[in-house]
Amino acid sequence: MGDHFKTDTDQLDRFVKSLQRSIKDLDEARKALSHVRADQIGTERLDEACDTFQEKWKYGSEQLSEMIGTISEGVKANKLSYEALEENLSKALKKLEETATSNGGGK
């Protein structure tokens, strides 16, 4: 059975780190753009469009960061569950083997 279903918990760790890095990158990009003021760019219409974009970008990036954070926490929880399952299964199989051996089944 174990040959058909495998979970690479190290890969899950790398995925969580990648998600967390994307949150950091997104936040840094938003902060970098926040220093650019619309009145530095050009025409009034362009300035208004930039201000509107900044507001939407801030809201959207914050929402995206929240969603990525939620996914990251879910992946972490799944990883811990897989590790616990693997550990418990290993213990149960060892106990079963010990029981079978002590009852004369291992002769």
PDB file of N, CA and C in Angstrom:
ATOM      1  N   MET A   1       0.824  -1.195   0.000  1.00  0.00           N
ATOM      2  CA  MET A   1       0.000   0.000   0.000  1.00  0.00           C
ATOM      3  C   MET A   1       0.867   1.258   0.000  1.00  0.00           C
ATOM      4  N   GLY A   2       1.949   1.228   0.794  1.00  0.00           N
ATOM      5  CA  GLY A   2       2.815   2.392   0.897  1.00  0.00           C
ATOM      6  C   GLY A   2       3.494   2.763  -0.404  1.00  0.00           C
ATOM      7  N   ASP A   3       3.618   1.803  -1.313  1.00  0.00           N
ATOM      8  CA  ASP A   3       4.254   2.086  -2.594  1.00  0.00           C
ATOM      9  C   ASP A   3       3.368   2.918  -3.514  1.00  0.00           C
ATOM     10  N   HIS A   4       2.090   2.945  -3.235  1.00  0.00           N
ATOM     11  CA  HIS A   4       1.145   3.629  -4.121  1.00  0.00           C
ATOM     12  C   HIS A   4       0.844   5.055  -3.684  1.00  0.00           C
ATOM     13  N   PHE A   5       1.055   5.347  -2.427  1.00  0.00           N
ATOM     14  CA  PHE A   5       0.750   6.690  -1.927  1.00  0.00           C
ATOM     15  C   PHE A   5       1.926   7.187  -1.111  1.00  0.00           C
ATOM     16  N   LYS A   6       2.543   8.255  -1.585  1.00  0.00           N
ATOM     17  CA  LYS A   6       3.687   8.821  -0.884  1.00  0.00           C
ATOM     18  C   LYS A   6       3.512  10.330  -0.765  1.00  0.00           C
ATOM     19  N   THR A   7       3.904  10.849   0.373  1.00  0.00           N
ATOM     20  CA  THR A   7       3.882  12.283   0.600  1.00  0.00           C
ATOM     21  C   THR A   7       5.276  12.725   0.982  1.00  0.00           C
ATOM     22  N   ASP A   8       5.812  13.653   0.229  1.00  0.00           N
ATOM     23  CA  ASP A   8       7.145  14.179   0.494  1.00  0.00           C
ATOM     24  C   ASP A   8       7.006  15.391   1.412  1.00  0.00           C
ATOM     25  N   THR A   9       7.194  15.167   2.722  1.00  0.00           N
ATOM     26  CA  THR A   9       7.009  16.258   3.680  1.00  0.00           C
ATOM     27  C   THR A   9       8.072  17.345   3.509  1.00  0.00           C
ATOM     28  N   ASP A  10       9.249  16.973   3.003  1.00  0.00           N
ATOM     29  CA  ASP A  10      10.262  18.003   2.720  1.00  0.00           C
ATOM     30  C   ASP A  10       9.777  18.939   1.609  1.00  0.00           C
ATOM     31  N   GLN A  11       9.087  18.367   0.635  1.00  0.00           N
ATOM     32  CA  GLN A  11       8.520  19.178  -0.448  1.00  0.00           C
ATOM     33  C   GLN A  11       7.435  20.113   0.107  1.00  0.00           C
ATOM     34  N   LEU A  12       6.655  19.615   1.054  1.00  0.00           N
ATOM     35  CA  LEU A  12       5.647  20.471   1.685  1.00  0.00           C
ATOM     36  C   LEU A  12       6.313  21.625   2.420  1.00  0.00           C
ATOM     37  N   ASP A  13       7.427  21.351   3.095  1.00  0.00           N
ATOM     38  CA  ASP A  13       8.191  22.420   3.759  1.00  0.00           C
ATOM     39  C   ASP A  13       8.649  23.469   2.751  1.00  0.00           C
ATOM     40  N   ARG A  14       9.184  22.998   1.628  1.00  0.00           N
ATOM     41  CA  ARG A  14       9.652  23.938   0.594  1.00  0.00           C
ATOM     42  C   ARG A  14       8.492  24.764   0.045  1.00  0.00           C
ATOM     43  N   PHE A  15       7.329  24.143  -0.105  1.00  0.00           N
ATOM     44  CA  PHE A  15       6.152  24.850  -0.601  1.00  0.00           C
ATOM     45  C   PHE A  15       5.712  25.930   0.380  1.00  0.00           C
ATOM     46  N   VAL A  16       5.704  25.611   1.667  1.00  0.00           N
ATOM     47  CA  VAL A  16       5.339  26.592   2.695  1.00  0.00           C
ATOM     48  C   VAL A  16       6.310  27.765   2.664  1.00  0.00           C
ATOM     49  N   LYS A  17       7.601  27.471   2.557  1.00  0.00           N
ATOM     50  CA  LYS A  17       8.603  28.545   2.505  1.00  0.00           C
ATOM     51  C   LYS A  17       8.412  29.407   1.262  1.00  0.00           C
ATOM     52  N   SER A  18       8.062  28.781   0.153  1.00  0.00           N
ATOM     53  CA  SER A  18       7.804  29.526  -1.079  1.00  0.00           C
ATOM     54  C   SER A  18       6.582  30.429  -0.918  1.00  0.00           C
ATOM     55  N   LEU A  19       5.547  29.916  -0.289  1.00  0.00           N
ATOM     56  CA  LEU A  19       4.353  30.730  -0.044  1.00  0.00           C
ATOM     57  C   LEU A  19       4.675  31.917   0.861  1.00  0.00           C
ATOM     58  N   GLN A  20       5.433  31.657   1.913  1.00  0.00           N
ATOM     59  CA  GLN A  20       5.788  32.740   2.833  1.00  0.00           C
ATOM     60  C   GLN A  20       6.665  33.778   2.143  1.00  0.00           C
ATOM     61  N   ARG A  21       7.556  33.317   1.269  1.00  0.00           N
ATOM     62  CA  ARG A  21       8.411  34.243   0.509  1.00  0.00           C
ATOM     63  C   ARG A  21       7.560  35.099  -0.424  1.00  0.00           C
ATOM     64  N   SER A  22       6.512  34.498  -1.014  1.00  0.00           N
ATOM     65  CA  SER A  22       5.662  35.261  -1.927  1.00  0.00           C
ATOM     66  C   SER A  22       4.895  36.350  -1.180  1.00  0.00           C
ATOM     67  N   ILE A  23       4.495  36.075   0.056  1.00  0.00           N
ATOM     68  CA  ILE A  23       3.827  37.102   0.867  1.00  0.00           C
ATOM     69  C   ILE A  23       4.789  38.260   1.108  1.00  0.00           C
ATOM     70  N   LYS A  24       6.026  37.928   1.469  1.00  0.00           N
ATOM     71  CA  LYS A  24       7.043  38.958   1.727  1.00  0.00           C
ATOM     72  C   LYS A  24       7.304  39.769   0.457  1.00  0.00           C
ATOM     73  N   ASP A  25       7.458  39.085  -0.672  1.00  0.00           N
ATOM     74  CA  ASP A  25       7.727  39.773  -1.940  1.00  0.00           C
ATOM     75  C   ASP A  25       6.575  40.692  -2.325  1.00  0.00           C
ATOM     76  N   LEU A  26       5.365  40.214  -2.145  1.00  0.00           N
ATOM     77  CA  LEU A  26       4.180  41.008  -2.472  1.00  0.00           C
ATOM     78  C   LEU A  26       4.116  42.260  -1.600  1.00  0.00           C
ATOM     79  N   ASP A  27       4.397  42.087  -0.321  1.00  0.00           N
ATOM     80  CA  ASP A  27       4.376  43.222   0.597  1.00  0.00           C
ATOM     81  C   ASP A  27       5.473  44.226   0.248  1.00  0.00           C
ATOM     82  N   GLU A  28       6.650  43.723  -0.098  1.00  0.00           N
ATOM     83  CA  GLU A  28       7.746  44.622  -0.474  1.00  0.00           C
ATOM     84  C   GLU A  28       7.422  45.403  -1.750  1.00  0.00           C
ATOM     85  N   ALA A  29       6.778  44.733  -2.709  1.00  0.00           N
ATOM     86  CA  ALA A  29       6.399  45.416  -3.952  1.00  0.00           C
ATOM     87  C   ALA A  29       5.381  46.516  -3.670  1.00  0.00           C
ATOM     88  N   ARG A  30       4.415  46.209  -2.808  1.00  0.00           N
ATOM     89  CA  ARG A  30       3.400  47.208  -2.452  1.00  0.00           C
ATOM     90  C   ARG A  30       4.040  48.400  -1.749  1.00  0.00           C
ATOM     91  N   LYS A  31       4.959  48.122  -0.826  1.00  0.00           N
ATOM     92  CA  LYS A  31       5.629  49.207  -0.109  1.00  0.00           C
ATOM     93  C   LYS A  31       6.477  50.051  -1.052  1.00  0.00           C
ATOM     94  N   ALA A  32       7.138  49.401  -1.997  1.00  0.00           N
ATOM     95  CA  ALA A  32       7.973  50.139  -2.955  1.00  0.00           C
ATOM     96  C   ALA A  32       7.110  51.065  -3.804  1.00  0.00           C
ATOM     97  N   LEU A  33       5.950  50.585  -4.211  1.00  0.00           N
ATOM     98  CA  LEU A  33       5.058  51.415  -5.025  1.00  0.00           C
ATOM     99  C   LEU A  33       4.414  52.530  -4.216  1.00  0.00           C
ATOM    100  N   SER A  34       4.295  52.349  -2.923  1.00  0.00           N
ATOM    101  CA  SER A  34       3.628  53.369  -2.111  1.00  0.00           C
ATOM    102  C   SER A  34       4.437  54.658  -2.037  1.00  0.00           C
ATOM    103  N   HIS A  35       5.719  54.570  -2.329  1.00  0.00           N
ATOM    104  CA  HIS A  35       6.567  55.769  -2.292  1.00  0.00           C
ATOM    105  C   HIS A  35       6.412  56.627  -3.545  1.00  0.00           C
ATOM    106  N   VAL A  36       5.844  56.061  -4.577  1.00  0.00           N
ATOM    107  CA  VAL A  36       5.625  56.821  -5.810  1.00  0.00           C
ATOM    108  C   VAL A  36       4.286  57.543  -5.686  1.00  0.00           C
ATOM    109  N   ARG A  37       4.329  58.828  -5.721  1.00  0.00           N
ATOM    110  CA  ARG A  37       3.108  59.620  -5.608  1.00  0.00           C
ATOM    111  C   ARG A  37       2.597  59.969  -6.995  1.00  0.00           C
ATOM    112  N   ALA A  38       1.311  59.974  -7.109  1.00  0.00           N
ATOM    113  CA  ALA A  38       0.683  60.239  -8.400  1.00  0.00           C
ATOM    114  C   ALA A  38       1.065  61.610  -8.937  1.00  0.00           C
ATOM    115  N   ASP A  39       1.235  62.577  -8.070  1.00  0.00           N
ATOM    116  CA  ASP A  39       1.537  63.929  -8.549  1.00  0.00           C
ATOM    117  C   ASP A  39       2.954  64.031  -9.121  1.00  0.00           C
ATOM    118  N   GLN A  40       3.713  62.980  -9.042  1.00  0.00           N
ATOM    119  CA  GLN A  40       5.059  62.969  -9.606  1.00  0.00           C
ATOM    120  C   GLN A  40       5.064  62.424 -11.033  1.00  0.00           C
ATOM    121  N   ILE A  41       3.952  61.901 -11.482  1.00  0.00           N
ATOM    122  CA  ILE A  41       3.947  61.166 -12.738  1.00  0.00           C
ATOM    123  C   ILE A  41       3.601  62.038 -13.942  1.00  0.00           C
ATOM    124  N   GLY A  42       2.585  62.842 -13.839  1.00  0.00           N
ATOM    125  CA  GLY A  42       2.242  63.606 -15.037  1.00  0.00           C
ATOM    126  C   GLY A  42       0.898  64.294 -14.952  1.00  0.00           C
ATOM    127  N   THR A  43       0.058  64.007 -15.914  1.00  0.00           N
ATOM    128  CA  THR A  43      -1.216  64.705 -16.049  1.00  0.00           C
ATOM    129  C   THR A  43      -2.155  64.374 -14.889  1.00  0.00           C
ATOM    130  N   GLU A  44      -3.146  65.219 -14.716  1.00  0.00           N
ATOM    131  CA  GLU A  44      -4.122  65.031 -13.639  1.00  0.00           C
ATOM    132  C   GLU A  44      -4.853  63.696 -13.793  1.00  0.00           C
ATOM    133  N   ARG A  45      -5.218  63.389 -15.024  1.00  0.00           N
ATOM    134  CA  ARG A  45      -5.940  62.135 -15.282  1.00  0.00           C
ATOM    135  C   ARG A  45      -5.064  60.917 -14.957  1.00  0.00           C
ATOM    136  N   LEU A  46      -3.806  61.012 -15.334  1.00  0.00           N
ATOM    137  CA  LEU A  46      -2.870  59.928 -15.032  1.00  0.00           C
ATOM    138  C   LEU A  46      -2.643  59.835 -13.527  1.00  0.00           C
ATOM    139  N   ASP A  47      -2.544  60.998 -12.871  1.00  0.00           N
ATOM    140  CA  ASP A  47      -2.365  61.013 -11.418  1.00  0.00           C
ATOM    141  C   ASP A  47      -3.538  60.335 -10.716  1.00  0.00           C
ATOM    142  N   GLU A  48      -4.760  60.631 -11.160  1.00  0.00           N
ATOM    143  CA  GLU A  48      -5.951  60.012 -10.562  1.00  0.00           C
ATOM    144  C   GLU A  48      -5.954  58.503 -10.791  1.00  0.00           C
ATOM    145  N   ALA A  49      -5.587  58.099 -11.993  1.00  0.00           N
ATOM    146  CA  ALA A  49      -5.545  56.671 -12.316  1.00  0.00           C
ATOM    147  C   ALA A  49      -4.511  55.963 -11.428  1.00  0.00           C
ATOM    148  N   CYS A  50      -3.376  56.614 -11.213  1.00  0.00           N
ATOM    149  CA  CYS A  50      -2.344  56.018 -10.363  1.00  0.00           C
ATOM    150  C   CYS A  50      -2.802  55.919  -8.915  1.00  0.00           C
ATOM    151  N   ASP A  51      -3.460  56.947  -8.429  1.00  0.00           N
ATOM    152  CA  ASP A  51      -3.988  56.903  -7.058  1.00  0.00           C
ATOM    153  C   ASP A  51      -4.999  55.770  -6.903  1.00  0.00           C
ATOM    154  N   THR A  52      -5.879  55.642  -7.882  1.00  0.00           N
ATOM    155  CA  THR A  52      -6.880  54.569  -7.851  1.00  0.00           C
ATOM    156  C   THR A  52      -6.197  53.211  -7.868  1.00  0.00           C
ATOM    157  N   PHE A  53      -5.190  53.071  -8.735  1.00  0.00           N
ATOM    158  CA  PHE A  53      -4.448  51.813  -8.807  1.00  0.00           C
ATOM    159  C   PHE A  53      -3.787  51.511  -7.471  1.00  0.00           C
ATOM    160  N   GLN A  54      -3.162  52.503  -6.862  1.00  0.00           N
ATOM    161  CA  GLN A  54      -2.481  52.297  -5.576  1.00  0.00           C
ATOM    162  C   GLN A  54      -3.458  51.777  -4.524  1.00  0.00           C
ATOM    163  N   GLU A  55      -4.642  52.353  -4.478  1.00  0.00           N
ATOM    164  CA  GLU A  55      -5.643  51.924  -3.502  1.00  0.00           C
ATOM    165  C   GLU A  55      -6.073  50.482  -3.760  1.00  0.00           C
ATOM    166  N   LYS A  56      -6.361  50.175  -5.026  1.00  0.00           N
ATOM    167  CA  LYS A  56      -6.789  48.820  -5.375  1.00  0.00           C
ATOM    168  C   LYS A  56      -5.650  47.820  -5.164  1.00  0.00           C
ATOM    169  N   TRP A  57      -4.434  48.207  -5.541  1.00  0.00           N
ATOM    170  CA  TRP A  57      -3.278  47.326  -5.381  1.00  0.00           C
ATOM    171  C   TRP A  57      -3.063  47.012  -3.907  1.00  0.00           C
ATOM    172  N   LYS A  58      -3.159  48.023  -3.058  1.00  0.00           N
ATOM    173  CA  LYS A  58      -2.972  47.825  -1.619  1.00  0.00           C
ATOM    174  C   LYS A  58      -4.016  46.848  -1.096  1.00  0.00           C
ATOM    175  N   TYR A  59      -5.279  47.085  -1.413  1.00  0.00           N
ATOM    176  CA  TYR A  59      -6.354  46.215  -0.945  1.00  0.00           C
ATOM    177  C   TYR A  59      -6.172  44.797  -1.496  1.00  0.00           C
ATOM    178  N   GLY A  60      -5.934  44.697  -2.786  1.00  0.00           N
ATOM    179  CA  GLY A  60      -5.787  43.387  -3.421  1.00  0.00           C
ATOM    180  C   GLY A  60      -4.594  42.609  -2.897  1.00  0.00           C
ATOM    181  N   SER A  61      -3.475  43.292  -2.717  1.00  0.00           N
ATOM    182  CA  SER A  61      -2.280  42.594  -2.238  1.00  0.00           C
ATOM    183  C   SER A  61      -2.458  42.146  -0.788  1.00  0.00           C
ATOM    184  N   GLU A  62      -3.158  42.937   0.005  1.00  0.00           N
ATOM    185  CA  GLU A  62      -3.425  42.527   1.383  1.00  0.00           C
ATOM    186  C   GLU A  62      -4.348  41.304   1.414  1.00  0.00           C
ATOM    187  N   GLN A  63      -5.368  41.309   0.561  1.00  0.00           N
ATOM    188  CA  GLN A  63      -6.272  40.158   0.481  1.00  0.00           C
ATOM    189  C   GLN A  63      -5.522  38.916   0.008  1.00  0.00           C
ATOM    190  N   LEU A  64      -4.692  39.078  -1.004  1.00  0.00           N
ATOM    191  CA  LEU A  64      -3.906  37.964  -1.533  1.00  0.00           C
ATOM    192  C   LEU A  64      -2.953  37.428  -0.472  1.00  0.00           C
ATOM    193  N   SER A  65      -2.323  38.309   0.264  1.00  0.00           N
ATOM    194  CA  SER A  65      -1.417  37.895   1.339  1.00  0.00           C
ATOM    195  C   SER A  65      -2.157  37.073   2.391  1.00  0.00           C
ATOM    196  N   GLU A  66      -3.357  37.502   2.733  1.00  0.00           N
ATOM    197  CA  GLU A  66      -4.170  36.743   3.695  1.00  0.00           C
ATOM    198  C   GLU A  66      -4.480  35.347   3.170  1.00  0.00           C
ATOM    199  N   MET A  67      -4.888  35.265   1.905  1.00  0.00           N
ATOM    200  CA  MET A  67      -5.219  33.964   1.319  1.00  0.00           C
ATOM    201  C   MET A  67      -3.996  33.054   1.263  1.00  0.00           C
ATOM    202  N   ILE A  68      -2.855  33.611   0.866  1.00  0.00           N
ATOM    203  CA  ILE A  68      -1.628  32.821   0.800  1.00  0.00           C
ATOM    204  C   ILE A  68      -1.251  32.352   2.205  1.00  0.00           C
ATOM    205  N   GLY A  69      -1.420  33.225   3.188  1.00  0.00           N
ATOM    206  CA  GLY A  69      -1.135  32.842   4.574  1.00  0.00           C
ATOM    207  C   GLY A  69      -2.018  31.692   5.037  1.00  0.00           C
ATOM    208  N   THR A  70      -3.286  31.729   4.662  1.00  0.00           N
ATOM    209  CA  THR A  70      -4.218  30.658   5.016  1.00  0.00           C
ATOM    210  C   THR A  70      -3.811  29.345   4.352  1.00  0.00           C
ATOM    211  N   ILE A  71      -3.450  29.415   3.088  1.00  0.00           N
ATOM    212  CA  ILE A  71      -2.995  28.212   2.368  1.00  0.00           C
ATOM    213  C   ILE A  71      -1.733  27.671   3.034  1.00  0.00           C
ATOM    214  N   SER A  72      -0.817  28.551   3.376  1.00  0.00           N
ATOM    215  CA  SER A  72       0.431  28.155   4.014  1.00  0.00           C
ATOM    216  C   SER A  72       0.161  27.419   5.327  1.00  0.00           C
ATOM    217  N   GLU A  73      -0.744  27.945   6.126  1.00  0.00           N
ATOM    218  CA  GLU A  73      -1.084  27.295   7.394  1.00  0.00           C
ATOM    219  C   GLU A  73      -1.720  25.931   7.156  1.00  0.00           C
ATOM    220  N   GLY A  74      -2.549  25.823   6.131  1.00  0.00           N
ATOM    221  CA  GLY A  74      -3.162  24.536   5.791  1.00  0.00           C
ATOM    222  C   GLY A  74      -2.137  23.510   5.365  1.00  0.00           C
ATOM    223  N   VAL A  75      -1.174  23.942   4.559  1.00  0.00           N
ATOM    224  CA  VAL A  75      -0.115  23.028   4.107  1.00  0.00           C
ATOM    225  C   VAL A  75       0.718  22.578   5.307  1.00  0.00           C
ATOM    226  N   LYS A  76       1.031  23.513   6.216  1.00  0.00           N
ATOM    227  CA  LYS A  76       1.780  23.159   7.422  1.00  0.00           C
ATOM    228  C   LYS A  76       1.018  22.113   8.241  1.00  0.00           C
ATOM    229  N   ALA A  77      -0.281  22.337   8.417  1.00  0.00           N
ATOM    230  CA  ALA A  77      -1.107  21.402   9.190  1.00  0.00           C
ATOM    231  C   ALA A  77      -1.137  20.029   8.527  1.00  0.00           C
ATOM    232  N   ASN A  78      -1.251  20.002   7.194  1.00  0.00           N
ATOM    233  CA  ASN A  78      -1.245  18.724   6.480  1.00  0.00           C
ATOM    234  C   ASN A  78       0.086  18.006   6.646  1.00  0.00           C
ATOM    235  N   LYS A  79       1.167  18.756   6.558  1.00  0.00           N
ATOM    236  CA  LYS A  79       2.500  18.166   6.726  1.00  0.00           C
ATOM    237  C   LYS A  79       2.615  17.520   8.099  1.00  0.00           C
ATOM    238  N   LEU A  80       2.193  18.240   9.132  1.00  0.00           N
ATOM    239  CA  LEU A  80       2.259  17.694  10.482  1.00  0.00           C
ATOM    240  C   LEU A  80       1.388  16.449  10.624  1.00  0.00           C
ATOM    241  N   SER A  81       0.234  16.455   9.973  1.00  0.00           N
ATOM    242  CA  SER A  81      -0.651  15.284  10.011  1.00  0.00           C
ATOM    243  C   SER A  81      -0.005  14.088   9.331  1.00  0.00           C
ATOM    244  N   TYR A  82       0.615  14.315   8.170  1.00  0.00           N
ATOM    245  CA  TYR A  82       1.305  13.226   7.475  1.00  0.00           C
ATOM    246  C   TYR A  82       2.439  12.666   8.329  1.00  0.00           C
ATOM    247  N   GLU A  83       3.193  13.556   8.960  1.00  0.00           N
ATOM    248  CA  GLU A  83       4.299  13.096   9.802  1.00  0.00           C
ATOM    249  C   GLU A  83       3.785  12.295  10.995  1.00  0.00           C
ATOM    250  N   ALA A  84       2.704  12.762  11.620  1.00  0.00           N
ATOM    251  CA  ALA A  84       2.127  12.039  12.752  1.00  0.00           C
ATOM    252  C   ALA A  84       1.590  10.682  12.311  1.00  0.00           C
ATOM    253  N   LEU A  85       0.925  10.638  11.164  1.00  0.00           N
ATOM    254  CA  LEU A  85       0.410   9.375  10.636  1.00  0.00           C
ATOM    255  C   LEU A  85       1.546   8.400  10.378  1.00  0.00           C
ATOM    256  N   GLU A  86       2.603   8.899   9.757  1.00  0.00           N
ATOM    257  CA  GLU A  86       3.753   8.056   9.454  1.00  0.00           C
ATOM    258  C   GLU A  86       4.386   7.508  10.731  1.00  0.00           C
ATOM    259  N   GLU A  87       4.535   8.357  11.725  1.00  0.00           N
ATOM    260  CA  GLU A  87       5.127   7.936  12.991  1.00  0.00           C
ATOM    261  C   GLU A  87       4.234   6.915  13.700  1.00  0.00           C
ATOM    262  N   ASN A  88       2.940   7.192  13.765  1.00  0.00           N
ATOM    263  CA  ASN A  88       2.011   6.274  14.429  1.00  0.00           C
ATOM    264  C   ASN A  88       1.916   4.936  13.706  1.00  0.00           C
ATOM    265  N   LEU A  89       1.927   4.962  12.396  1.00  0.00           N
ATOM    266  CA  LEU A  89       1.879   3.729  11.617  1.00  0.00           C
ATOM    267  C   LEU A  89       3.145   2.909  11.853  1.00  0.00           C
ATOM    268  N   SER A  90       4.275   3.586  11.877  1.00  0.00           N
ATOM    269  CA  SER A  90       5.544   2.902  12.122  1.00  0.00           C
ATOM    270  C   SER A  90       5.535   2.239  13.501  1.00  0.00           C
ATOM    271  N   LYS A  91       5.064   2.960  14.515  1.00  0.00           N
ATOM    272  CA  LYS A  91       4.987   2.409  15.872  1.00  0.00           C
ATOM    273  C   LYS A  91       4.038   1.212  15.916  1.00  0.00           C
ATOM    274  N   ALA A  92       2.898   1.333  15.253  1.00  0.00           N
ATOM    275  CA  ALA A  92       1.919   0.246  15.253  1.00  0.00           C
ATOM    276  C   ALA A  92       2.472  -0.998  14.567  1.00  0.00           C
ATOM    277  N   LEU A  93       3.178  -0.808  13.460  1.00  0.00           N
ATOM    278  CA  LEU A  93       3.756  -1.948  12.757  1.00  0.00           C
ATOM    279  C   LEU A  93       4.858  -2.610  13.583  1.00  0.00           C
ATOM    280  N   LYS A  94       5.673  -1.823  14.271  1.00  0.00           N
ATOM    281  CA  LYS A  94       6.708  -2.390  15.139  1.00  0.00           C
ATOM    282  C   LYS A  94       6.090  -3.177  16.279  1.00  0.00           C
ATOM    283  N   LYS A  95       5.031  -2.622  16.859  1.00  0.00           N
ATOM    284  CA  LYS A  95       4.340  -3.303  17.951  1.00  0.00           C
ATOM    285  C   LYS A  95       3.727  -4.609  17.456  1.00  0.00           C
ATOM    286  N   LEU A  96       3.132  -4.578  16.288  1.00  0.00           N
ATOM    287  CA  LEU A  96       2.545  -5.777  15.692  1.00  0.00           C
ATOM    288  C   LEU A  96       3.625  -6.832  15.450  1.00  0.00           C
ATOM    289  N   GLU A  97       4.777  -6.383  14.955  1.00  0.00           N
ATOM    290  CA  GLU A  97       5.889  -7.294  14.700  1.00  0.00           C
ATOM    291  C   GLU A  97       6.385  -7.896  16.012  1.00  0.00           C
ATOM    292  N   GLU A  98       6.515  -7.064  17.037  1.00  0.00           N
ATOM    293  CA  GLU A  98       6.972  -7.552  18.350  1.00  0.00           C
ATOM    294  C   GLU A  98       5.986  -8.550  18.937  1.00  0.00           C
ATOM    295  N   THR A  99       4.709  -8.263  18.783  1.00  0.00           N
ATOM    296  CA  THR A  99       3.675  -9.160  19.293  1.00  0.00           C
ATOM    297  C   THR A  99       3.710 -10.487  18.572  1.00  0.00           C
ATOM    298  N   ALA A 100       3.846 -10.431  17.255  1.00  0.00           N
ATOM    299  CA  ALA A 100       3.894 -11.666  16.457  1.00  0.00           C
ATOM    300  C   ALA A 100       5.146 -12.477  16.805  1.00  0.00           C
ATOM    301  N   THR A 101       6.256 -11.811  17.008  1.00  0.00           N
ATOM    302  CA  THR A 101       7.514 -12.489  17.350  1.00  0.00           C
ATOM    303  C   THR A 101       7.434 -13.108  18.743  1.00  0.00           C
ATOM    304  N   SER A 102       6.868 -12.398  19.712  1.00  0.00           N
ATOM    305  CA  SER A 102       6.789 -12.903  21.084  1.00  0.00           C
ATOM    306  C   SER A 102       5.774 -14.041  21.215  1.00  0.00           C
ATOM    307  N   ASN A 103       4.824 -14.128  20.301  1.00  0.00           N
ATOM    308  CA  ASN A 103       3.825 -15.193  20.329  1.00  0.00           C
ATOM    309  C   ASN A 103       4.260 -16.397  19.506  1.00  0.00           C
ATOM    310  N   GLY A 104       5.485 -16.415  19.081  1.00  0.00           N
ATOM    311  CA  GLY A 104       5.982 -17.557  18.335  1.00  0.00           C
ATOM    312  C   GLY A 104       5.728 -17.469  16.842  1.00  0.00           C
ATOM    313  N   GLY A 105       5.195 -16.355  16.388  1.00  0.00           N
ATOM    314  CA  GLY A 105       4.890 -16.205  14.961  1.00  0.00           C
ATOM    315  C   GLY A 105       6.120 -15.880  14.139  1.00  0.00           C
ATOM    316  N   GLY A 106       7.214 -15.541  14.778  1.00  0.00           N
ATOM    317  CA  GLY A 106       8.403 -15.162  14.036  1.00  0.00           C
ATOM    318  C   GLY A 106       9.392 -16.289  13.845  1.00  0.00           C
ATOM    319  N   LYS A 107       9.029 -17.535  14.177  1.00  0.00           N
ATOM    320  CA  LYS A 107       9.955 -18.676  14.078  1.00  0.00           C
ATOM    321  C   LYS A 107      10.117 -19.167  12.684  1.00  0.00           C
TER     322      LYS A 107
END
